[in-house]
Full PDB file with SEQRES, HELIX, SHEET, SSBOND, CRYST1, ORIGX, SCALE, CONECT and MASTER records, all heavy atoms in Angstrom:
SEQRES   1 A   30  THR SER PRO ILE ILE ASP ARG ALA LEU LEU THR SER VAL          
SEQRES   2 A   30  LEU ALA PRO GLN GLN PRO LEU MET LEU ILE ASP ILE SER          
SEQRES   3 A   30  VAL PRO ARG ASN                                              
HELIX    1 AA1 ARG A    7  VAL A   13  1                                   7    
CRYST1    1.000    1.000    1.000  90.00  90.00  90.00 P 1           1          
ORIGX1      1.000000  0.000000  0.000000        0.00000                         
ORIGX2      0.000000  1.000000  0.000000        0.00000                         
ORIGX3      0.000000  0.000000  1.000000        0.00000                         
SCALE1      1.000000  0.000000  0.000000        0.00000                         
SCALE2      0.000000  1.000000  0.000000        0.00000                         
SCALE3      0.000000  0.000000  1.000000        0.00000                         
ATOM      1  N   THR A   1      99.239  89.823 114.114  1.00  0.00           N  
ATOM      2  CA  THR A   1      98.476  90.699 113.293  1.00  0.00           C  
ATOM      3  C   THR A   1      98.811  90.690 111.806  1.00  0.00           C  
ATOM      4  O   THR A   1      98.182  91.370 111.036  1.00  0.00           O  
ATOM      5  CB  THR A   1      98.565  92.136 113.812  1.00  0.00           C  
ATOM      6  OG1 THR A   1      99.960  92.557 113.794  1.00  0.00           O  
ATOM      7  CG2 THR A   1      98.012  92.262 115.253  1.00  0.00           C  
ATOM      8  N   SER A   2      99.796  89.871 111.480  1.00  0.00           N  
ATOM      9  CA  SER A   2     100.167  89.731 110.050  1.00  0.00           C  
ATOM     10  C   SER A   2     100.564  88.283 109.842  1.00  0.00           C  
ATOM     11  O   SER A   2     100.897  87.592 110.758  1.00  0.00           O  
ATOM     12  CB  SER A   2     101.341  90.658 109.699  1.00  0.00           C  
ATOM     13  OG  SER A   2     102.480  90.398 110.525  1.00  0.00           O  
ATOM     14  N   PRO A   3     100.586  87.824 108.555  1.00  0.00           N  
ATOM     15  CA  PRO A   3     100.844  86.404 108.277  1.00  0.00           C  
ATOM     16  C   PRO A   3     102.199  85.903 108.801  1.00  0.00           C  
ATOM     17  O   PRO A   3     103.194  86.594 108.723  1.00  0.00           O  
ATOM     18  CB  PRO A   3     100.744  86.298 106.794  1.00  0.00           C  
ATOM     19  CG  PRO A   3      99.874  87.423 106.388  1.00  0.00           C  
ATOM     20  CD  PRO A   3     100.184  88.562 107.318  1.00  0.00           C  
ATOM     21  N   ILE A   4     102.180  84.718 109.347  1.00  0.00           N  
ATOM     22  CA  ILE A   4     103.415  84.030 109.806  1.00  0.00           C  
ATOM     23  C   ILE A   4     103.945  83.077 108.731  1.00  0.00           C  
ATOM     24  O   ILE A   4     105.131  82.912 108.598  1.00  0.00           O  
ATOM     25  CB  ILE A   4     103.124  83.272 111.121  1.00  0.00           C  
ATOM     26  CG1 ILE A   4     102.675  84.161 112.224  1.00  0.00           C  
ATOM     27  CG2 ILE A   4     104.366  82.465 111.546  1.00  0.00           C  
ATOM     28  CD1 ILE A   4     102.178  83.443 113.428  1.00  0.00           C  
ATOM     29  N   ILE A   5     103.037  82.534 107.954  1.00  0.00           N  
ATOM     30  CA  ILE A   5     103.386  81.551 106.915  1.00  0.00           C  
ATOM     31  C   ILE A   5     102.974  82.164 105.608  1.00  0.00           C  
ATOM     32  O   ILE A   5     101.816  82.575 105.405  1.00  0.00           O  
ATOM     33  CB  ILE A   5     102.637  80.212 107.131  1.00  0.00           C  
ATOM     34  CG1 ILE A   5     103.117  79.590 108.461  1.00  0.00           C  
ATOM     35  CG2 ILE A   5     102.943  79.270 105.975  1.00  0.00           C  
ATOM     36  CD1 ILE A   5     102.314  78.340 108.818  1.00  0.00           C  
ATOM     37  N   ASP A   6     103.910  82.184 104.652  1.00  0.00           N  
ATOM     38  CA  ASP A   6     103.592  82.647 103.278  1.00  0.00           C  
ATOM     39  C   ASP A   6     104.292  81.772 102.250  1.00  0.00           C  
ATOM     40  O   ASP A   6     105.022  80.834 102.578  1.00  0.00           O  
ATOM     41  CB  ASP A   6     103.943  84.123 103.095  1.00  0.00           C  
ATOM     42  CG  ASP A   6     105.422  84.409 103.330  1.00  0.00           C  
ATOM     43  OD1 ASP A   6     106.215  83.454 103.394  1.00  0.00           O  
ATOM     44  OD2 ASP A   6     105.777  85.562 103.514  1.00  0.00           O  
ATOM     45  N   ARG A   7     104.073  82.074 100.980  1.00  0.00           N  
ATOM     46  CA  ARG A   7     104.620  81.256  99.908  1.00  0.00           C  
ATOM     47  C   ARG A   7     106.158  81.177  99.992  1.00  0.00           C  
ATOM     48  O   ARG A   7     106.778  80.143  99.832  1.00  0.00           O  
ATOM     49  CB  ARG A   7     104.185  81.838  98.546  1.00  0.00           C  
ATOM     50  CG  ARG A   7     104.771  81.051  97.387  1.00  0.00           C  
ATOM     51  CD  ARG A   7     104.495  81.790  96.053  1.00  0.00           C  
ATOM     52  NE  ARG A   7     105.329  81.180  94.996  1.00  0.00           N  
ATOM     53  CZ  ARG A   7     104.850  80.228  94.168  1.00  0.00           C  
ATOM     54  NH1 ARG A   7     103.583  79.805  94.277  1.00  0.00           N  
ATOM     55  NH2 ARG A   7     105.613  79.730  93.254  1.00  0.00           N  
ATOM     56  N   ALA A   8     106.779  82.305 100.249  1.00  0.00           N  
ATOM     57  CA  ALA A   8     108.259  82.406 100.262  1.00  0.00           C  
ATOM     58  C   ALA A   8     108.800  81.504 101.320  1.00  0.00           C  
ATOM     59  O   ALA A   8     109.785  80.762 101.092  1.00  0.00           O  
ATOM     60  CB  ALA A   8     108.690  83.850 100.521  1.00  0.00           C  
ATOM     61  N   LEU A   9     108.150  81.468 102.509  1.00  0.00           N  
ATOM     62  CA  LEU A   9     108.688  80.574 103.560  1.00  0.00           C  
ATOM     63  C   LEU A   9     108.515  79.101 103.201  1.00  0.00           C  
ATOM     64  O   LEU A   9     109.433  78.307 103.366  1.00  0.00           O  
ATOM     65  CB  LEU A   9     107.910  80.891 104.857  1.00  0.00           C  
ATOM     66  CG  LEU A   9     108.183  79.914 106.042  1.00  0.00           C  
ATOM     67  CD1 LEU A   9     109.647  80.050 106.491  1.00  0.00           C  
ATOM     68  CD2 LEU A   9     107.281  80.243 107.235  1.00  0.00           C  
ATOM     69  N   LEU A  10     107.330  78.746 102.716  1.00  0.00           N  
ATOM     70  CA  LEU A  10     107.079  77.383 102.352  1.00  0.00           C  
ATOM     71  C   LEU A  10     107.999  76.900 101.202  1.00  0.00           C  
ATOM     72  O   LEU A  10     108.452  75.743 101.239  1.00  0.00           O  
ATOM     73  CB  LEU A  10     105.595  77.169 101.991  1.00  0.00           C  
ATOM     74  CG  LEU A  10     104.547  77.359 103.116  1.00  0.00           C  
ATOM     75  CD1 LEU A  10     103.187  77.053 102.600  1.00  0.00           C  
ATOM     76  CD2 LEU A  10     104.913  76.497 104.307  1.00  0.00           C  
ATOM     77  N   THR A  11     108.194  77.772 100.241  1.00  0.00           N  
ATOM     78  CA  THR A  11     109.105  77.364  99.164  1.00  0.00           C  
ATOM     79  C   THR A  11     110.522  77.094  99.675  1.00  0.00           C  
ATOM     80  O   THR A  11     111.188  76.205  99.151  1.00  0.00           O  
ATOM     81  CB  THR A  11     109.162  78.573  98.137  1.00  0.00           C  
ATOM     82  OG1 THR A  11     107.854  78.821  97.638  1.00  0.00           O  
ATOM     83  CG2 THR A  11     110.068  78.200  96.935  1.00  0.00           C  
ATOM     84  N   SER A  12     110.897  77.799 100.698  1.00  0.00           N  
ATOM     85  CA  SER A  12     112.265  77.632 101.166  1.00  0.00           C  
ATOM     86  C   SER A  12     112.434  76.408 102.074  1.00  0.00           C  
ATOM     87  O   SER A  12     113.548  75.896 102.252  1.00  0.00           O  
ATOM     88  CB  SER A  12     112.766  78.871 101.955  1.00  0.00           C  
ATOM     89  OG  SER A  12     111.966  79.012 103.129  1.00  0.00           O  
ATOM     90  N   VAL A  13     111.326  75.928 102.678  1.00  0.00           N  
ATOM     91  CA  VAL A  13     111.460  74.847 103.695  1.00  0.00           C  
ATOM     92  C   VAL A  13     110.895  73.531 103.208  1.00  0.00           C  
ATOM     93  O   VAL A  13     111.315  72.450 103.704  1.00  0.00           O  
ATOM     94  CB  VAL A  13     110.816  75.234 105.003  1.00  0.00           C  
ATOM     95  CG1 VAL A  13     111.454  76.455 105.610  1.00  0.00           C  
ATOM     96  CG2 VAL A  13     109.342  75.381 104.912  1.00  0.00           C  
ATOM     97  N   LEU A  14     109.926  73.509 102.284  1.00  0.00           N  
ATOM     98  CA  LEU A  14     109.336  72.277 101.866  1.00  0.00           C  
ATOM     99  C   LEU A  14     110.161  71.636 100.738  1.00  0.00           C  
ATOM    100  O   LEU A  14     110.561  72.307  99.833  1.00  0.00           O  
ATOM    101  CB  LEU A  14     107.872  72.504 101.378  1.00  0.00           C  
ATOM    102  CG  LEU A  14     106.834  72.959 102.421  1.00  0.00           C  
ATOM    103  CD1 LEU A  14     105.463  73.029 101.741  1.00  0.00           C  
ATOM    104  CD2 LEU A  14     106.790  72.036 103.573  1.00  0.00           C  
ATOM    105  N   ALA A  15     110.269  70.302 100.815  1.00  0.00           N  
ATOM    106  CA  ALA A  15     110.895  69.545  99.734  1.00  0.00           C  
ATOM    107  C   ALA A  15     109.974  69.580  98.488  1.00  0.00           C  
ATOM    108  O   ALA A  15     108.733  69.744  98.689  1.00  0.00           O  
ATOM    109  CB  ALA A  15     111.147  68.126 100.167  1.00  0.00           C  
ATOM    110  N   PRO A  16     110.484  69.457  97.305  1.00  0.00           N  
ATOM    111  CA  PRO A  16     109.595  69.384  96.099  1.00  0.00           C  
ATOM    112  C   PRO A  16     108.550  68.316  96.256  1.00  0.00           C  
ATOM    113  O   PRO A  16     108.820  67.206  96.679  1.00  0.00           O  
ATOM    114  CB  PRO A  16     110.623  69.086  94.991  1.00  0.00           C  
ATOM    115  CG  PRO A  16     111.943  69.570  95.478  1.00  0.00           C  
ATOM    116  CD  PRO A  16     111.905  69.304  96.996  1.00  0.00           C  
ATOM    117  N   GLN A  17     107.321  68.701  95.942  1.00  0.00           N  
ATOM    118  CA  GLN A  17     106.220  67.773  95.956  1.00  0.00           C  
ATOM    119  C   GLN A  17     105.751  67.378  97.425  1.00  0.00           C  
ATOM    120  O   GLN A  17     104.887  66.542  97.518  1.00  0.00           O  
ATOM    121  CB  GLN A  17     106.395  66.530  95.115  1.00  0.00           C  
ATOM    122  CG  GLN A  17     106.968  66.754  93.749  1.00  0.00           C  
ATOM    123  CD  GLN A  17     106.133  67.753  92.988  1.00  0.00           C  
ATOM    124  OE1 GLN A  17     104.894  67.749  93.031  1.00  0.00           O  
ATOM    125  NE2 GLN A  17     106.755  68.640  92.156  1.00  0.00           N  
ATOM    126  N   GLN A  18     106.406  67.947  98.440  1.00  0.00           N  
ATOM    127  CA  GLN A  18     106.040  67.584  99.811  1.00  0.00           C  
ATOM    128  C   GLN A  18     104.631  68.142 100.146  1.00  0.00           C  
ATOM    129  O   GLN A  18     104.484  69.371 100.129  1.00  0.00           O  
ATOM    130  CB  GLN A  18     107.068  68.111 100.800  1.00  0.00           C  
ATOM    131  CG  GLN A  18     106.694  67.753 102.277  1.00  0.00           C  
ATOM    132  CD  GLN A  18     107.664  68.367 103.304  1.00  0.00           C  
ATOM    133  OE1 GLN A  18     108.735  68.869 102.907  1.00  0.00           O  
ATOM    134  NE2 GLN A  18     107.288  68.411 104.569  1.00  0.00           N  
ATOM    135  N   PRO A  19     103.670  67.286 100.403  1.00  0.00           N  
ATOM    136  CA  PRO A  19     102.316  67.818 100.649  1.00  0.00           C  
ATOM    137  C   PRO A  19     102.156  68.421 102.071  1.00  0.00           C  
ATOM    138  O   PRO A  19     102.797  67.946 103.017  1.00  0.00           O  
ATOM    139  CB  PRO A  19     101.468  66.563 100.535  1.00  0.00           C  
ATOM    140  CG  PRO A  19     102.360  65.440 100.913  1.00  0.00           C  
ATOM    141  CD  PRO A  19     103.726  65.820 100.422  1.00  0.00           C  
ATOM    142  N   LEU A  20     101.330  69.424 102.114  1.00  0.00           N  
ATOM    143  CA  LEU A  20     101.089  70.036 103.415  1.00  0.00           C  
ATOM    144  C   LEU A  20      99.645  70.676 103.463  1.00  0.00           C  
ATOM    145  O   LEU A  20      99.242  71.282 102.477  1.00  0.00           O  
ATOM    146  CB  LEU A  20     102.090  71.213 103.616  1.00  0.00           C  
ATOM    147  CG  LEU A  20     102.008  71.950 104.972  1.00  0.00           C  
ATOM    148  CD1 LEU A  20     102.360  71.047 106.152  1.00  0.00           C  
ATOM    149  CD2 LEU A  20     102.893  73.215 104.977  1.00  0.00           C  
ATOM    150  N   MET A  21      98.951  70.412 104.552  1.00  0.00           N  
ATOM    151  CA  MET A  21      97.637  71.007 104.772  1.00  0.00           C  
ATOM    152  C   MET A  21      97.748  72.079 105.798  1.00  0.00           C  
ATOM    153  O   MET A  21      98.285  71.837 106.898  1.00  0.00           O  
ATOM    154  CB  MET A  21      96.609  69.946 105.163  1.00  0.00           C  
ATOM    155  CG  MET A  21      95.194  70.522 105.362  1.00  0.00           C  
ATOM    156  SD  MET A  21      94.052  69.324 106.114  1.00  0.00           S  
ATOM    157  CE  MET A  21      93.917  68.200 104.743  1.00  0.00           C  
ATOM    158  N   LEU A  22      97.236  73.270 105.519  1.00  0.00           N  
ATOM    159  CA  LEU A  22      97.260  74.433 106.444  1.00  0.00           C  
ATOM    160  C   LEU A  22      95.795  74.751 106.803  1.00  0.00           C  
ATOM    161  O   LEU A  22      94.969  74.950 105.947  1.00  0.00           O  
ATOM    162  CB  LEU A  22      97.944  75.624 105.837  1.00  0.00           C  
ATOM    163  CG  LEU A  22      99.403  75.451 105.424  1.00  0.00           C  
ATOM    164  CD1 LEU A  22      99.828  76.632 104.578  1.00  0.00           C  
ATOM    165  CD2 LEU A  22     100.256  75.326 106.655  1.00  0.00           C  
ATOM    166  N   ILE A  23      95.492  74.819 108.112  1.00  0.00           N  
ATOM    167  CA  ILE A  23      94.169  75.222 108.557  1.00  0.00           C  
ATOM    168  C   ILE A  23      94.320  76.371 109.524  1.00  0.00           C  
ATOM    169  O   ILE A  23      94.844  76.219 110.636  1.00  0.00           O  
ATOM    170  CB  ILE A  23      93.399  74.065 109.220  1.00  0.00           C  
ATOM    171  CG1 ILE A  23      93.245  72.853 108.194  1.00  0.00           C  
ATOM    172  CG2 ILE A  23      92.053  74.534 109.724  1.00  0.00           C  
ATOM    173  CD1 ILE A  23      92.510  71.669 108.755  1.00  0.00           C  
ATOM    174  N   ASP A  24      93.920  77.569 109.056  1.00  0.00           N  
ATOM    175  CA  ASP A  24      94.182  78.815 109.783  1.00  0.00           C  
ATOM    176  C   ASP A  24      92.857  79.245 110.431  1.00  0.00           C  
ATOM    177  O   ASP A  24      91.930  79.606 109.739  1.00  0.00           O  
ATOM    178  CB  ASP A  24      94.716  79.853 108.805  1.00  0.00           C  
ATOM    179  CG  ASP A  24      95.012  81.193 109.503  1.00  0.00           C  
ATOM    180  OD1 ASP A  24      94.912  81.279 110.707  1.00  0.00           O  
ATOM    181  OD2 ASP A  24      95.361  82.180 108.769  1.00  0.00           O  
ATOM    182  N   ILE A  25      92.785  79.237 111.780  1.00  0.00           N  
ATOM    183  CA  ILE A  25      91.585  79.670 112.441  1.00  0.00           C  
ATOM    184  C   ILE A  25      91.755  81.027 113.170  1.00  0.00           C  
ATOM    185  O   ILE A  25      91.015  81.357 114.069  1.00  0.00           O  
ATOM    186  CB  ILE A  25      91.058  78.609 113.442  1.00  0.00           C  
ATOM    187  CG1 ILE A  25      92.110  78.248 114.488  1.00  0.00           C  
ATOM    188  CG2 ILE A  25      90.556  77.388 112.661  1.00  0.00           C  
ATOM    189  CD1 ILE A  25      91.595  77.296 115.548  1.00  0.00           C  
ATOM    190  N   SER A  26      92.747  81.761 112.740  1.00  0.00           N  
ATOM    191  CA  SER A  26      93.033  83.080 113.316  1.00  0.00           C  
ATOM    192  C   SER A  26      92.469  84.191 112.453  1.00  0.00           C  
ATOM    193  O   SER A  26      92.369  84.135 111.247  1.00  0.00           O  
ATOM    194  CB  SER A  26      94.527  83.285 113.435  1.00  0.00           C  
ATOM    195  OG  SER A  26      95.101  82.335 114.253  1.00  0.00           O  
ATOM    196  N   VAL A  27      92.037  85.259 113.143  1.00  0.00           N  
ATOM    197  CA  VAL A  27      91.653  86.510 112.439  1.00  0.00           C  
ATOM    198  C   VAL A  27      92.232  87.681 113.250  1.00  0.00           C  
ATOM    199  O   VAL A  27      91.917  87.788 114.449  1.00  0.00           O  
ATOM    200  CB  VAL A  27      90.083  86.682 112.368  1.00  0.00           C  
ATOM    201  CG1 VAL A  27      89.771  88.034 111.715  1.00  0.00           C  
ATOM    202  CG2 VAL A  27      89.514  85.531 111.584  1.00  0.00           C  
ATOM    203  N   PRO A  28      93.199  88.411 112.680  1.00  0.00           N  
ATOM    204  CA  PRO A  28      93.722  88.389 111.292  1.00  0.00           C  
ATOM    205  C   PRO A  28      94.384  87.013 111.020  1.00  0.00           C  
ATOM    206  O   PRO A  28      94.847  86.360 111.909  1.00  0.00           O  
ATOM    207  CB  PRO A  28      94.757  89.509 111.289  1.00  0.00           C  
ATOM    208  CG  PRO A  28      94.324  90.427 112.444  1.00  0.00           C  
ATOM    209  CD  PRO A  28      93.821  89.496 113.478  1.00  0.00           C  
ATOM    210  N   ARG A  29      94.443  86.675 109.729  1.00  0.00           N  
ATOM    211  CA  ARG A  29      94.977  85.429 109.318  1.00  0.00           C  
ATOM    212  C   ARG A  29      96.464  85.257 109.571  1.00  0.00           C  
ATOM    213  O   ARG A  29      97.231  86.209 109.446  1.00  0.00           O  
ATOM    214  CB  ARG A  29      94.651  85.201 107.819  1.00  0.00           C  
ATOM    215  CG  ARG A  29      93.210  84.917 107.514  1.00  0.00           C  
ATOM    216  CD  ARG A  29      92.986  84.909 105.994  1.00  0.00           C  
ATOM    217  NE  ARG A  29      93.159  86.220 105.421  1.00  0.00           N  
ATOM    218  CZ  ARG A  29      93.059  86.503 104.125  1.00  0.00           C  
ATOM    219  NH1 ARG A  29      92.762  85.521 103.287  1.00  0.00           N  
ATOM    220  NH2 ARG A  29      93.211  87.694 103.668  1.00  0.00           N  
ATOM    221  N   ASN A  30      96.858  84.047 109.916  1.00  0.00           N  
ATOM    222  CA  ASN A  30      98.273  83.750 110.124  1.00  0.00           C  
ATOM    223  C   ASN A  30      98.927  83.189 108.844  1.00  0.00           C  
ATOM    224  O   ASN A  30     100.135  83.142 108.736  1.00  0.00           O  
ATOM    225  CB  ASN A  30      98.441  82.656 111.169  1.00  0.00           C  
ATOM    226  CG  ASN A  30      98.080  83.131 112.580  1.00  0.00           C  
ATOM    227  OD1 ASN A  30      97.864  82.305 113.531  1.00  0.00           O  
ATOM    228  ND2 ASN A  30      97.961  84.463 112.825  1.00  0.00           N  
TER     229      ASN A  30                                                      
MASTER        0    0    0    1    0    0    0    6  228    1    0    3          
END                                                                             
């Protein structure tokens, strides 16, 4: 019922410039 992925999480786990595509088909949004 609340986001699982946010900017803070991605900033901590993605390498600099590492591309990622997110497709969220949940409501409420994940």
